[in-house]
């Protein structure tokens, strides 16, 4: 099963980045013996996504729609059930699953961090299998232990002061001339984390996510104003 899963995900630039056997409190339906968290396979996911129909169809949420299409197909092929961190409510508890499956921790700036991927912890979905299958254990341990914590001072406008994310301050900066670096290369706080060095997405993907973030915040502001 693990070989078939790896091959099926790799065809889309994806990989199993964590797994666990569900217990009470994990908010999974009965009959799930193993949950596998799915994330980017290095930088190859972006190459697959940017050549997809969703990337160029000018419709909302292209990466989420691409993720659902490819993971629904993988799930059907392997006899699994797909779960996603988007499309709610109800919202799946991916933060809890990240702790259980990848050994993710809360970082000094509030975002989740893992030993393997640093502050680039992100999931395109999860696959639930009825059997208890064995998946290679991901790298564990709290990477913040003994760290100089450069993440605390990396934000130009200190939007993560005291571990709380000031969305308005962040948006004001990244949409200004001074925020050009954030828009083009991604969150400087994430880049500053020494854990998971080399796992940052390509700059084009970071810019894509930042553009989507800005667009979503503007839509929220328009909606609240109306």
N, C-alpha and C. Protein backbone atom coordinates (compact mmCIF):
# COMPACT_ATOMS: atom_id res chain seq x y z
N UNK A 1 0.82 -1.21 0.00
CA UNK A 1 0.00 0.00 0.00
C UNK A 1 0.86 1.26 0.00
N UNK A 2 1.92 1.28 0.83
CA UNK A 2 2.71 2.50 0.93
C UNK A 2 3.39 2.84 -0.39
N UNK A 3 3.84 1.82 -1.11
CA UNK A 3 4.45 2.07 -2.41
C UNK A 3 3.46 2.61 -3.40
N UNK A 4 2.25 2.03 -3.42
CA UNK A 4 1.21 2.50 -4.34
C UNK A 4 0.79 3.93 -4.00
N UNK A 5 0.71 4.22 -2.71
CA UNK A 5 0.35 5.57 -2.27
C UNK A 5 1.41 6.57 -2.70
N UNK A 6 2.66 6.24 -2.46
CA UNK A 6 3.75 7.14 -2.83
C UNK A 6 3.75 7.42 -4.32
N UNK A 7 3.55 6.38 -5.12
CA UNK A 7 3.55 6.57 -6.58
C UNK A 7 2.36 7.41 -7.03
N UNK A 8 1.20 7.15 -6.43
CA UNK A 8 0.00 7.89 -6.82
C UNK A 8 0.13 9.37 -6.50
N UNK A 9 0.72 9.69 -5.34
CA UNK A 9 0.90 11.09 -4.96
C UNK A 9 2.01 11.76 -5.78
N UNK A 10 3.07 11.02 -6.03
CA UNK A 10 4.21 11.58 -6.75
C UNK A 10 3.82 12.03 -8.15
N UNK A 11 2.85 11.38 -8.75
CA UNK A 11 2.41 11.77 -10.09
C UNK A 11 1.85 13.18 -10.13
N UNK A 12 1.51 13.71 -8.96
CA UNK A 12 0.96 15.07 -8.89
C UNK A 12 1.88 16.02 -8.12
N UNK A 13 3.09 15.59 -7.84
CA UNK A 13 4.02 16.43 -7.09
C UNK A 13 3.69 16.49 -5.62
N UNK A 14 3.02 15.47 -5.10
CA UNK A 14 2.61 15.42 -3.70
C UNK A 14 3.32 14.30 -2.97
N UNK A 15 3.22 14.31 -1.64
CA UNK A 15 3.88 13.29 -0.82
C UNK A 15 3.15 13.13 0.50
N UNK A 16 3.30 11.96 1.10
CA UNK A 16 2.82 11.74 2.45
C UNK A 16 3.81 12.39 3.41
N UNK A 17 3.35 13.37 4.19
CA UNK A 17 4.24 14.12 5.08
C UNK A 17 4.01 13.80 6.55
N UNK A 18 3.11 12.89 6.82
CA UNK A 18 2.84 12.48 8.20
C UNK A 18 1.68 11.50 8.23
N UNK A 19 1.56 10.75 9.30
CA UNK A 19 0.45 9.81 9.41
C UNK A 19 0.25 9.42 10.87
N UNK A 20 -0.93 8.94 11.19
CA UNK A 20 -1.19 8.43 12.54
C UNK A 20 -2.42 7.53 12.50
N UNK A 21 -2.56 6.74 13.56
CA UNK A 21 -3.73 5.89 13.73
C UNK A 21 -4.71 6.65 14.62
N UNK A 22 -5.87 7.00 14.11
CA UNK A 22 -6.81 7.86 14.84
C UNK A 22 -7.23 7.30 16.20
N UNK A 23 -7.51 8.23 17.09
CA UNK A 23 -8.01 7.90 18.42
C UNK A 23 -9.18 8.82 18.73
N UNK A 24 -9.78 8.63 19.87
CA UNK A 24 -10.89 9.50 20.28
C UNK A 24 -10.40 10.94 20.33
N UNK A 25 -11.20 11.85 19.81
CA UNK A 25 -10.82 13.27 19.82
C UNK A 25 -10.23 13.76 18.52
N UNK A 26 -9.96 12.83 17.59
CA UNK A 26 -9.38 13.24 16.31
C UNK A 26 -10.44 13.65 15.29
N UNK A 27 -11.70 13.52 15.66
CA UNK A 27 -12.83 13.97 14.85
C UNK A 27 -12.83 13.35 13.46
N UNK A 28 -12.62 12.05 13.43
CA UNK A 28 -12.70 11.30 12.17
C UNK A 28 -13.88 10.34 12.25
N UNK A 29 -14.50 10.06 11.13
CA UNK A 29 -15.64 9.13 11.15
C UNK A 29 -15.17 7.71 11.47
N UNK A 30 -16.07 6.86 11.93
CA UNK A 30 -15.70 5.47 12.21
C UNK A 30 -15.17 4.78 10.95
N UNK A 31 -14.30 3.82 11.16
CA UNK A 31 -13.81 3.04 10.04
C UNK A 31 -12.52 3.56 9.43
N UNK A 32 -11.92 4.60 10.01
CA UNK A 32 -10.64 5.09 9.52
C UNK A 32 -9.53 4.51 10.40
N UNK A 33 -8.72 3.63 9.85
CA UNK A 33 -7.65 3.01 10.62
C UNK A 33 -6.35 3.78 10.58
N UNK A 34 -6.13 4.53 9.49
CA UNK A 34 -4.90 5.32 9.32
C UNK A 34 -5.21 6.59 8.57
N UNK A 35 -4.72 7.71 9.07
CA UNK A 35 -4.86 8.98 8.35
C UNK A 35 -3.49 9.42 7.88
N UNK A 36 -3.39 9.70 6.59
CA UNK A 36 -2.13 10.13 5.98
C UNK A 36 -2.26 11.59 5.55
N UNK A 37 -1.40 12.44 6.06
CA UNK A 37 -1.39 13.85 5.70
C UNK A 37 -0.62 14.04 4.39
N UNK A 38 -1.16 14.84 3.51
CA UNK A 38 -0.58 15.03 2.18
C UNK A 38 -0.14 16.48 1.99
N UNK A 39 1.10 16.65 1.57
CA UNK A 39 1.64 17.98 1.30
C UNK A 39 2.46 17.98 0.03
N UNK A 40 3.13 19.08 -0.21
CA UNK A 40 3.94 19.20 -1.42
C UNK A 40 5.15 18.28 -1.37
N UNK A 41 5.51 17.73 -2.51
CA UNK A 41 6.72 16.94 -2.64
C UNK A 41 7.83 17.87 -3.13
N UNK A 42 8.53 18.46 -2.15
CA UNK A 42 9.55 19.44 -2.52
C UNK A 42 8.95 20.56 -3.33
N UNK A 43 9.61 20.91 -4.42
CA UNK A 43 9.13 22.01 -5.26
C UNK A 43 8.37 21.53 -6.48
N UNK A 44 8.15 20.22 -6.59
CA UNK A 44 7.54 19.69 -7.81
C UNK A 44 6.04 19.92 -7.86
N UNK A 45 5.37 20.10 -6.72
CA UNK A 45 3.93 20.31 -6.75
C UNK A 45 3.56 21.54 -7.58
N UNK A 46 4.35 22.60 -7.43
CA UNK A 46 4.05 23.83 -8.15
C UNK A 46 4.09 23.60 -9.66
N UNK A 47 5.03 22.81 -10.14
CA UNK A 47 5.13 22.55 -11.58
C UNK A 47 3.89 21.80 -12.07
N UNK A 48 3.38 20.87 -11.28
CA UNK A 48 2.17 20.16 -11.68
C UNK A 48 0.96 21.09 -11.65
N UNK A 49 0.85 21.88 -10.59
CA UNK A 49 -0.31 22.75 -10.46
C UNK A 49 -0.36 23.81 -11.54
N UNK A 50 0.78 24.42 -11.86
CA UNK A 50 0.75 25.55 -12.80
C UNK A 50 0.45 25.12 -14.24
N UNK A 51 0.48 23.81 -14.51
CA UNK A 51 0.09 23.32 -15.84
C UNK A 51 -1.31 22.70 -15.81
N UNK A 52 -2.00 22.87 -14.70
CA UNK A 52 -3.33 22.27 -14.56
C UNK A 52 -4.41 23.19 -15.16
N UNK A 53 -5.58 22.64 -15.48
CA UNK A 53 -6.68 23.48 -15.97
C UNK A 53 -7.11 24.53 -14.94
N UNK A 54 -7.07 24.15 -13.66
CA UNK A 54 -7.50 25.07 -12.61
C UNK A 54 -6.64 26.32 -12.54
N UNK A 55 -5.35 26.18 -12.80
CA UNK A 55 -4.44 27.32 -12.69
C UNK A 55 -4.82 28.45 -13.65
N UNK A 56 -5.31 28.09 -14.82
CA UNK A 56 -5.55 29.11 -15.83
C UNK A 56 -7.01 29.40 -16.13
N UNK A 57 -7.95 28.88 -15.31
CA UNK A 57 -9.36 29.06 -15.67
C UNK A 57 -10.00 30.32 -15.08
N UNK A 58 -9.21 31.09 -14.33
CA UNK A 58 -9.67 32.37 -13.77
C UNK A 58 -10.84 32.23 -12.81
N UNK A 59 -11.04 31.04 -12.27
CA UNK A 59 -12.08 30.83 -11.27
C UNK A 59 -11.48 30.89 -9.87
N UNK A 60 -12.29 31.14 -8.83
CA UNK A 60 -11.75 31.26 -7.47
C UNK A 60 -11.12 29.96 -6.96
N UNK A 61 -10.19 30.12 -6.06
CA UNK A 61 -9.56 29.01 -5.32
C UNK A 61 -9.00 27.91 -6.22
N UNK A 62 -8.14 28.26 -7.16
CA UNK A 62 -7.64 27.26 -8.10
C UNK A 62 -6.85 26.12 -7.44
N UNK A 63 -6.00 26.43 -6.45
CA UNK A 63 -5.21 25.36 -5.85
C UNK A 63 -6.07 24.43 -5.01
N UNK A 64 -7.06 24.97 -4.34
CA UNK A 64 -7.96 24.12 -3.57
C UNK A 64 -8.75 23.20 -4.50
N UNK A 65 -9.21 23.73 -5.61
CA UNK A 65 -9.97 22.91 -6.55
C UNK A 65 -9.09 21.84 -7.19
N UNK A 66 -7.85 22.21 -7.52
CA UNK A 66 -6.90 21.23 -8.05
C UNK A 66 -6.63 20.14 -7.02
N UNK A 67 -6.40 20.53 -5.77
CA UNK A 67 -6.13 19.56 -4.71
C UNK A 67 -7.28 18.58 -4.56
N UNK A 68 -8.50 19.09 -4.56
CA UNK A 68 -9.66 18.23 -4.41
C UNK A 68 -9.78 17.26 -5.59
N UNK A 69 -9.55 17.76 -6.78
CA UNK A 69 -9.67 16.89 -7.96
C UNK A 69 -8.65 15.75 -7.92
N UNK A 70 -7.39 16.08 -7.68
CA UNK A 70 -6.37 15.03 -7.75
C UNK A 70 -6.45 14.08 -6.55
N UNK A 71 -6.74 14.62 -5.34
CA UNK A 71 -6.80 13.74 -4.18
C UNK A 71 -8.08 12.92 -4.14
N UNK A 72 -9.17 13.44 -4.66
CA UNK A 72 -10.36 12.61 -4.79
C UNK A 72 -10.07 11.41 -5.70
N UNK A 73 -9.33 11.65 -6.77
CA UNK A 73 -8.98 10.56 -7.70
C UNK A 73 -8.05 9.56 -7.04
N UNK A 74 -7.05 10.04 -6.29
CA UNK A 74 -6.14 9.14 -5.59
C UNK A 74 -6.91 8.32 -4.56
N UNK A 75 -7.80 8.97 -3.83
CA UNK A 75 -8.59 8.27 -2.81
C UNK A 75 -9.44 7.17 -3.44
N UNK A 76 -10.09 7.48 -4.55
CA UNK A 76 -10.93 6.49 -5.23
C UNK A 76 -10.09 5.32 -5.72
N UNK A 77 -8.90 5.61 -6.21
CA UNK A 77 -8.01 4.57 -6.75
C UNK A 77 -7.51 3.64 -5.65
N UNK A 78 -7.28 4.18 -4.45
CA UNK A 78 -6.68 3.39 -3.38
C UNK A 78 -7.68 2.94 -2.31
N UNK A 79 -8.94 3.25 -2.50
CA UNK A 79 -9.94 2.84 -1.53
C UNK A 79 -9.87 3.64 -0.24
N UNK A 80 -9.56 4.92 -0.34
CA UNK A 80 -9.43 5.80 0.82
C UNK A 80 -10.53 6.86 0.78
N UNK A 81 -10.56 7.66 1.81
CA UNK A 81 -11.48 8.79 1.88
C UNK A 81 -10.66 10.06 2.04
N UNK A 82 -10.98 11.08 1.25
CA UNK A 82 -10.20 12.32 1.27
C UNK A 82 -10.84 13.35 2.21
N UNK A 83 -9.96 14.09 2.92
CA UNK A 83 -10.38 15.18 3.80
C UNK A 83 -9.55 16.41 3.44
N UNK A 84 -10.14 17.60 3.65
CA UNK A 84 -9.47 18.82 3.21
C UNK A 84 -9.50 19.91 4.29
N UNK A 85 -8.47 20.78 4.29
CA UNK A 85 -8.43 21.88 5.26
C UNK A 85 -9.21 23.10 4.78
N UNK A 86 -9.97 22.95 3.72
CA UNK A 86 -10.77 24.04 3.17
C UNK A 86 -12.17 23.49 2.87
N UNK A 87 -13.07 24.37 2.46
CA UNK A 87 -14.40 23.94 2.06
C UNK A 87 -15.40 23.84 3.18
N UNK A 88 -15.02 24.26 4.42
CA UNK A 88 -15.94 24.19 5.54
C UNK A 88 -16.89 25.38 5.57
N UNK A 89 -17.70 25.48 6.60
CA UNK A 89 -17.80 24.52 7.72
C UNK A 89 -18.56 23.26 7.31
N UNK A 90 -18.36 22.17 8.05
CA UNK A 90 -17.45 22.06 9.20
C UNK A 90 -16.00 22.01 8.74
N UNK A 91 -15.10 22.46 9.61
CA UNK A 91 -13.68 22.48 9.31
C UNK A 91 -13.00 21.27 9.96
N UNK A 92 -12.18 20.61 9.19
CA UNK A 92 -11.44 19.48 9.74
C UNK A 92 -10.31 19.99 10.64
N UNK A 93 -10.00 19.31 11.74
CA UNK A 93 -8.99 19.79 12.69
C UNK A 93 -7.56 19.49 12.23
N UNK A 94 -7.14 20.15 11.16
CA UNK A 94 -5.83 19.85 10.60
C UNK A 94 -4.68 20.24 11.53
N UNK A 95 -4.89 21.24 12.38
CA UNK A 95 -3.82 21.58 13.32
C UNK A 95 -3.57 20.44 14.30
N UNK A 96 -4.65 19.86 14.80
CA UNK A 96 -4.49 18.70 15.69
C UNK A 96 -3.87 17.54 14.92
N UNK A 97 -4.32 17.32 13.69
CA UNK A 97 -3.77 16.24 12.89
C UNK A 97 -2.29 16.47 12.60
N UNK A 98 -1.90 17.73 12.43
CA UNK A 98 -0.49 18.04 12.20
C UNK A 98 0.35 17.66 13.42
N UNK A 99 -0.17 17.91 14.59
CA UNK A 99 0.53 17.52 15.82
C UNK A 99 0.68 16.01 15.90
N UNK A 100 -0.40 15.29 15.57
CA UNK A 100 -0.40 13.84 15.67
C UNK A 100 0.41 13.19 14.56
N UNK A 101 0.27 13.71 13.35
CA UNK A 101 0.85 13.04 12.19
C UNK A 101 2.25 13.45 11.82
N UNK A 102 2.59 14.74 12.05
CA UNK A 102 3.91 15.24 11.66
C UNK A 102 4.73 15.71 12.85
N UNK A 103 4.14 15.68 14.03
CA UNK A 103 4.86 16.19 15.20
C UNK A 103 5.02 17.68 15.15
N UNK A 104 3.99 18.40 14.67
CA UNK A 104 4.06 19.85 14.58
C UNK A 104 3.84 20.48 15.95
N UNK A 105 4.48 21.62 16.17
CA UNK A 105 4.37 22.37 17.42
C UNK A 105 3.93 23.79 17.13
N UNK A 106 3.48 24.49 18.16
CA UNK A 106 3.18 25.91 18.04
C UNK A 106 4.50 26.67 18.18
N UNK A 107 4.81 27.50 17.21
CA UNK A 107 6.06 28.24 17.20
C UNK A 107 5.94 29.51 18.04
N UNK A 108 7.04 30.21 18.30
CA UNK A 108 6.98 31.47 19.07
C UNK A 108 6.10 32.54 18.42
N UNK A 109 5.87 32.42 17.10
CA UNK A 109 5.01 33.40 16.42
C UNK A 109 3.60 32.87 16.20
N UNK A 110 3.30 31.71 16.78
CA UNK A 110 1.95 31.18 16.70
C UNK A 110 1.71 30.18 15.60
N UNK A 111 2.39 30.29 14.47
CA UNK A 111 2.22 29.34 13.38
C UNK A 111 2.79 27.98 13.78
N UNK A 112 2.26 26.93 13.17
CA UNK A 112 2.79 25.61 13.46
C UNK A 112 4.15 25.42 12.77
N UNK A 113 5.01 24.66 13.44
CA UNK A 113 6.36 24.41 12.94
C UNK A 113 6.67 22.93 13.13
N UNK A 114 7.43 22.36 12.21
CA UNK A 114 7.86 20.97 12.36
C UNK A 114 9.35 20.88 12.11
N UNK A 115 9.96 19.81 12.63
CA UNK A 115 11.39 19.63 12.46
C UNK A 115 11.76 19.46 11.00
N UNK A 116 10.90 18.82 10.24
CA UNK A 116 11.20 18.54 8.85
C UNK A 116 10.97 19.73 7.93
N UNK A 117 9.92 20.51 8.19
CA UNK A 117 9.54 21.56 7.25
C UNK A 117 9.52 22.95 7.84
N UNK A 118 9.97 23.10 9.06
CA UNK A 118 10.01 24.43 9.66
C UNK A 118 8.64 25.07 9.68
N UNK A 119 8.58 26.36 9.31
CA UNK A 119 7.31 27.09 9.30
C UNK A 119 6.55 26.93 7.98
N UNK A 120 7.01 26.03 7.14
CA UNK A 120 6.32 25.77 5.87
C UNK A 120 5.33 24.62 6.00
N UNK A 121 4.86 24.36 7.22
CA UNK A 121 3.87 23.31 7.45
C UNK A 121 2.57 23.68 6.73
N UNK A 122 2.16 22.85 5.80
CA UNK A 122 0.96 23.11 5.02
C UNK A 122 0.49 21.78 4.43
N UNK A 123 -0.81 21.65 4.25
CA UNK A 123 -1.36 20.39 3.74
C UNK A 123 -2.35 20.67 2.62
N UNK A 124 -2.31 19.84 1.61
CA UNK A 124 -3.30 19.92 0.54
C UNK A 124 -4.49 19.04 0.86
N UNK A 125 -4.34 18.14 1.81
CA UNK A 125 -5.45 17.29 2.21
C UNK A 125 -4.94 16.13 3.06
N UNK A 126 -5.81 15.17 3.29
CA UNK A 126 -5.45 13.97 4.04
C UNK A 126 -6.26 12.81 3.49
N UNK A 127 -5.69 11.62 3.58
CA UNK A 127 -6.35 10.42 3.09
C UNK A 127 -6.57 9.45 4.24
N UNK A 128 -7.82 9.04 4.42
CA UNK A 128 -8.15 8.10 5.47
C UNK A 128 -8.32 6.70 4.90
N UNK A 129 -7.57 5.75 5.44
CA UNK A 129 -7.62 4.36 4.99
C UNK A 129 -8.30 3.50 6.06
N UNK A 130 -9.07 2.50 5.66
CA UNK A 130 -9.74 1.66 6.65
C UNK A 130 -8.78 0.79 7.45
N UNK A 131 -7.64 0.41 6.87
CA UNK A 131 -6.70 -0.48 7.55
C UNK A 131 -5.67 0.32 8.35
N UNK A 132 -5.08 -0.34 9.32
CA UNK A 132 -3.95 0.25 10.05
C UNK A 132 -2.68 -0.09 9.27
N UNK A 133 -2.21 0.88 8.51
CA UNK A 133 -1.03 0.65 7.69
C UNK A 133 0.18 1.38 8.30
N UNK A 134 1.34 0.90 8.01
CA UNK A 134 2.57 1.47 8.56
C UNK A 134 3.18 2.43 7.55
N UNK A 135 3.36 3.68 7.96
CA UNK A 135 3.97 4.70 7.13
C UNK A 135 5.27 5.14 7.80
N UNK A 136 6.28 5.42 7.00
CA UNK A 136 7.57 5.86 7.55
C UNK A 136 7.37 7.07 8.46
N UNK A 137 7.96 7.01 9.64
CA UNK A 137 7.82 8.08 10.63
C UNK A 137 8.52 9.34 10.15
N UNK A 138 7.83 10.49 10.25
CA UNK A 138 8.46 11.76 9.88
C UNK A 138 9.39 12.21 11.00
N UNK A 139 10.30 13.11 10.67
CA UNK A 139 11.24 13.64 11.65
C UNK A 139 10.48 14.37 12.76
N UNK A 140 10.83 14.04 14.02
CA UNK A 140 10.11 14.61 15.16
C UNK A 140 11.03 15.50 15.98
N UNK A 141 10.48 16.01 17.08
CA UNK A 141 11.25 16.88 17.96
C UNK A 141 10.90 18.33 17.72
N UNK A 142 10.87 19.10 18.81
CA UNK A 142 10.53 20.52 18.71
C UNK A 142 11.74 21.31 18.22
N UNK A 143 11.71 21.85 16.99
CA UNK A 143 12.86 22.56 16.45
C UNK A 143 13.11 23.91 17.13
N UNK A 144 12.15 24.37 17.94
CA UNK A 144 12.32 25.65 18.61
C UNK A 144 13.17 25.54 19.87
N UNK A 145 13.37 24.33 20.36
CA UNK A 145 14.18 24.13 21.55
C UNK A 145 15.62 24.53 21.28
N UNK A 146 16.13 25.50 22.01
CA UNK A 146 17.50 25.96 21.83
C UNK A 146 17.70 26.87 20.63
N UNK A 147 16.62 27.23 19.96
CA UNK A 147 16.73 28.08 18.76
C UNK A 147 16.83 29.55 19.16
N UNK A 148 17.56 30.33 18.38
CA UNK A 148 17.69 31.77 18.63
C UNK A 148 16.40 32.52 18.27
N UNK A 149 15.46 31.83 17.64
CA UNK A 149 14.14 32.37 17.30
C UNK A 149 14.20 33.61 16.41
N UNK A 150 14.86 33.52 15.26
CA UNK A 150 14.88 34.66 14.34
C UNK A 150 13.50 35.00 13.79
N UNK A 151 12.56 34.07 13.92
CA UNK A 151 11.20 34.34 13.45
C UNK A 151 10.56 35.52 14.18
N UNK A 152 10.96 35.73 15.43
CA UNK A 152 10.34 36.79 16.23
C UNK A 152 10.62 38.19 15.68
N UNK A 153 11.74 38.35 15.02
CA UNK A 153 12.14 39.69 14.57
C UNK A 153 12.17 39.82 13.05
N UNK A 154 11.71 38.79 12.33
CA UNK A 154 11.82 38.81 10.87
C UNK A 154 10.76 39.67 10.20
N UNK A 155 9.61 39.86 10.85
CA UNK A 155 8.55 40.64 10.22
C UNK A 155 8.89 42.12 10.27
N UNK A 156 8.88 42.81 9.14
CA UNK A 156 9.23 44.24 9.10
C UNK A 156 8.31 45.13 9.93
N UNK A 157 7.06 44.67 10.16
CA UNK A 157 6.12 45.49 10.92
C UNK A 157 5.68 44.80 12.21
N UNK A 158 6.41 43.76 12.60
CA UNK A 158 6.16 43.06 13.86
C UNK A 158 4.70 42.61 13.98
N UNK A 159 4.22 41.97 12.91
CA UNK A 159 2.82 41.55 12.88
C UNK A 159 2.55 40.32 13.75
N UNK A 160 3.62 39.70 14.28
CA UNK A 160 3.44 38.51 15.12
C UNK A 160 3.86 38.77 16.56
N UNK A 161 3.72 39.98 17.02
CA UNK A 161 4.12 40.33 18.38
C UNK A 161 3.36 39.48 19.39
N UNK A 162 4.10 38.96 20.36
CA UNK A 162 3.52 38.16 21.45
C UNK A 162 2.79 36.93 20.93
N UNK A 163 3.20 36.45 19.75
CA UNK A 163 2.60 35.24 19.22
C UNK A 163 1.21 35.42 18.65
N UNK A 164 0.78 36.67 18.50
CA UNK A 164 -0.54 36.95 17.94
C UNK A 164 -0.39 37.60 16.58
N UNK A 165 -1.17 37.12 15.62
CA UNK A 165 -1.05 37.59 14.25
C UNK A 165 -1.96 38.79 14.02
N UNK A 166 -1.37 39.94 13.73
CA UNK A 166 -2.10 41.16 13.43
C UNK A 166 -2.33 41.21 11.92
N UNK A 167 -3.48 40.70 11.50
CA UNK A 167 -3.76 40.59 10.07
C UNK A 167 -3.77 41.96 9.39
N UNK A 168 -4.41 42.94 10.01
CA UNK A 168 -4.52 44.27 9.40
C UNK A 168 -3.15 44.89 9.17
N UNK A 169 -2.28 44.74 10.15
CA UNK A 169 -0.93 45.30 10.02
C UNK A 169 -0.16 44.60 8.90
N UNK A 170 -0.31 43.28 8.82
CA UNK A 170 0.35 42.51 7.76
C UNK A 170 -0.14 42.94 6.38
N UNK A 171 -1.45 43.02 6.22
CA UNK A 171 -2.02 43.38 4.92
C UNK A 171 -1.59 44.79 4.50
N UNK A 172 -1.60 45.72 5.44
CA UNK A 172 -1.20 47.09 5.12
C UNK A 172 0.24 47.12 4.62
N UNK A 173 1.10 46.29 5.20
CA UNK A 173 2.50 46.28 4.78
C UNK A 173 2.68 45.61 3.43
N UNK A 174 2.12 44.41 3.26
CA UNK A 174 2.39 43.67 2.02
C UNK A 174 1.74 44.32 0.80
N UNK A 175 0.76 45.17 1.00
CA UNK A 175 0.15 45.87 -0.13
C UNK A 175 0.80 47.22 -0.40
N UNK A 176 1.79 47.57 0.40
CA UNK A 176 2.50 48.85 0.20
C UNK A 176 3.78 48.63 -0.59
N UNK A 177 4.41 49.72 -0.98
CA UNK A 177 5.67 49.62 -1.71
C UNK A 177 6.74 48.93 -0.87
N UNK A 178 6.70 49.14 0.43
CA UNK A 178 7.69 48.54 1.32
C UNK A 178 7.53 47.03 1.44
N UNK A 179 6.38 46.50 1.04
CA UNK A 179 6.13 45.07 1.17
C UNK A 179 6.45 44.26 -0.07
N UNK A 180 7.23 44.82 -0.97
CA UNK A 180 7.54 44.12 -2.23
C UNK A 180 8.19 42.77 -2.00
N UNK A 181 9.12 42.68 -1.04
CA UNK A 181 9.81 41.42 -0.78
C UNK A 181 8.84 40.35 -0.29
N UNK A 182 7.91 40.73 0.55
CA UNK A 182 6.91 39.79 1.06
C UNK A 182 6.02 39.28 -0.07
N UNK A 183 5.64 40.19 -0.97
CA UNK A 183 4.76 39.80 -2.07
C UNK A 183 5.46 38.87 -3.04
N UNK A 184 6.73 39.08 -3.29
CA UNK A 184 7.41 38.33 -4.33
C UNK A 184 8.06 37.03 -3.86
N UNK A 185 8.44 36.98 -2.58
CA UNK A 185 9.14 35.78 -2.10
C UNK A 185 8.40 35.06 -0.99
N UNK A 186 7.34 35.63 -0.47
CA UNK A 186 6.59 34.99 0.60
C UNK A 186 6.94 35.56 1.96
N UNK A 187 6.24 35.09 2.97
CA UNK A 187 6.39 35.60 4.34
C UNK A 187 7.83 35.50 4.82
N UNK A 188 8.39 36.62 5.22
CA UNK A 188 9.78 36.66 5.68
C UNK A 188 9.96 35.92 6.99
N UNK A 189 8.91 35.83 7.78
CA UNK A 189 8.97 35.09 9.04
C UNK A 189 9.18 33.61 8.76
N UNK A 190 8.44 33.07 7.82
CA UNK A 190 8.60 31.67 7.46
C UNK A 190 10.02 31.40 6.94
N UNK A 191 10.51 32.31 6.11
CA UNK A 191 11.86 32.14 5.54
C UNK A 191 12.93 32.18 6.63
N UNK A 192 12.67 32.89 7.71
CA UNK A 192 13.70 33.08 8.74
C UNK A 192 13.92 31.83 9.59
N UNK A 193 12.97 30.91 9.59
CA UNK A 193 13.07 29.71 10.43
C UNK A 193 14.19 28.80 9.94
N UNK A 194 15.16 28.46 10.80
CA UNK A 194 16.26 27.59 10.38
C UNK A 194 15.85 26.14 10.21
N UNK A 195 14.74 25.73 10.82
CA UNK A 195 14.26 24.36 10.66
C UNK A 195 13.68 24.20 9.25
N UNK A 196 13.86 23.03 8.69
CA UNK A 196 13.31 22.79 7.37
C UNK A 196 13.96 23.61 6.30
N UNK A 197 15.23 23.99 6.52
CA UNK A 197 15.93 24.82 5.53
C UNK A 197 15.93 24.12 4.17
N UNK A 198 15.56 24.86 3.14
CA UNK A 198 15.53 24.29 1.80
C UNK A 198 14.17 23.74 1.40
N UNK A 199 13.18 23.80 2.31
CA UNK A 199 11.86 23.28 1.98
C UNK A 199 10.88 24.36 1.55
N UNK A 200 11.34 25.59 1.46
CA UNK A 200 10.45 26.68 1.04
C UNK A 200 9.96 26.43 -0.38
N UNK A 201 8.71 26.77 -0.67
CA UNK A 201 8.19 26.63 -2.04
C UNK A 201 8.94 27.57 -2.99
N UNK A 202 8.81 27.34 -4.29
CA UNK A 202 9.40 28.27 -5.26
C UNK A 202 8.84 29.68 -5.06
N UNK A 203 9.62 30.68 -5.43
CA UNK A 203 9.18 32.06 -5.26
C UNK A 203 7.85 32.32 -5.96
N UNK A 204 7.66 31.72 -7.14
CA UNK A 204 6.41 31.93 -7.88
C UNK A 204 5.22 31.40 -7.09
N UNK A 205 5.39 30.28 -6.39
CA UNK A 205 4.31 29.75 -5.58
C UNK A 205 4.05 30.64 -4.37
N UNK A 206 5.11 31.13 -3.75
CA UNK A 206 4.94 32.04 -2.61
C UNK A 206 4.18 33.29 -3.04
N UNK A 207 4.53 33.84 -4.21
CA UNK A 207 3.85 35.03 -4.72
C UNK A 207 2.38 34.73 -5.01
N UNK A 208 2.11 33.53 -5.53
CA UNK A 208 0.74 33.11 -5.81
C UNK A 208 -0.08 33.08 -4.53
N UNK A 209 0.47 32.48 -3.48
CA UNK A 209 -0.25 32.40 -2.21
C UNK A 209 -0.45 33.79 -1.60
N UNK A 210 0.56 34.64 -1.72
CA UNK A 210 0.44 35.99 -1.15
C UNK A 210 -0.64 36.79 -1.88
N UNK A 211 -0.69 36.64 -3.19
CA UNK A 211 -1.72 37.33 -3.97
C UNK A 211 -3.11 36.85 -3.56
N UNK A 212 -3.24 35.52 -3.37
CA UNK A 212 -4.53 34.97 -2.95
C UNK A 212 -4.91 35.47 -1.56
N UNK A 213 -3.92 35.56 -0.67
CA UNK A 213 -4.16 36.06 0.68
C UNK A 213 -4.65 37.50 0.64
N UNK A 214 -3.99 38.35 -0.15
CA UNK A 214 -4.38 39.75 -0.26
C UNK A 214 -5.79 39.88 -0.84
N UNK A 215 -6.07 39.10 -1.87
CA UNK A 215 -7.39 39.14 -2.51
C UNK A 215 -8.48 38.74 -1.52
N UNK A 216 -8.22 37.69 -0.73
CA UNK A 216 -9.20 37.22 0.25
C UNK A 216 -9.47 38.27 1.32
N UNK A 217 -8.39 38.93 1.78
CA UNK A 217 -8.58 39.95 2.81
C UNK A 217 -9.36 41.14 2.26
N UNK A 218 -9.13 41.50 1.00
CA UNK A 218 -9.87 42.61 0.41
C UNK A 218 -11.34 42.25 0.26
N UNK A 219 -11.62 41.01 -0.11
CA UNK A 219 -13.01 40.58 -0.22
C UNK A 219 -13.70 40.59 1.13
N UNK A 220 -12.98 40.19 2.17
CA UNK A 220 -13.53 40.24 3.52
C UNK A 220 -13.87 41.66 3.91
N UNK A 221 -12.93 42.57 3.62
CA UNK A 221 -13.14 43.98 3.97
C UNK A 221 -14.34 44.55 3.21
N UNK A 222 -14.49 44.18 1.95
CA UNK A 222 -15.62 44.67 1.15
C UNK A 222 -16.93 44.12 1.69
N UNK A 223 -16.90 42.84 2.07
CA UNK A 223 -18.10 42.21 2.61
C UNK A 223 -18.53 42.83 3.92
N UNK A 224 -17.54 43.08 4.80
CA UNK A 224 -17.86 43.68 6.10
C UNK A 224 -18.35 45.10 5.94
N UNK A 225 -17.80 45.79 4.92
CA UNK A 225 -18.23 47.19 4.71
C UNK A 225 -19.65 47.25 4.17
N UNK A 226 -20.05 46.17 3.43
CA UNK A 226 -21.39 46.16 2.85
C UNK A 226 -22.40 45.67 3.86
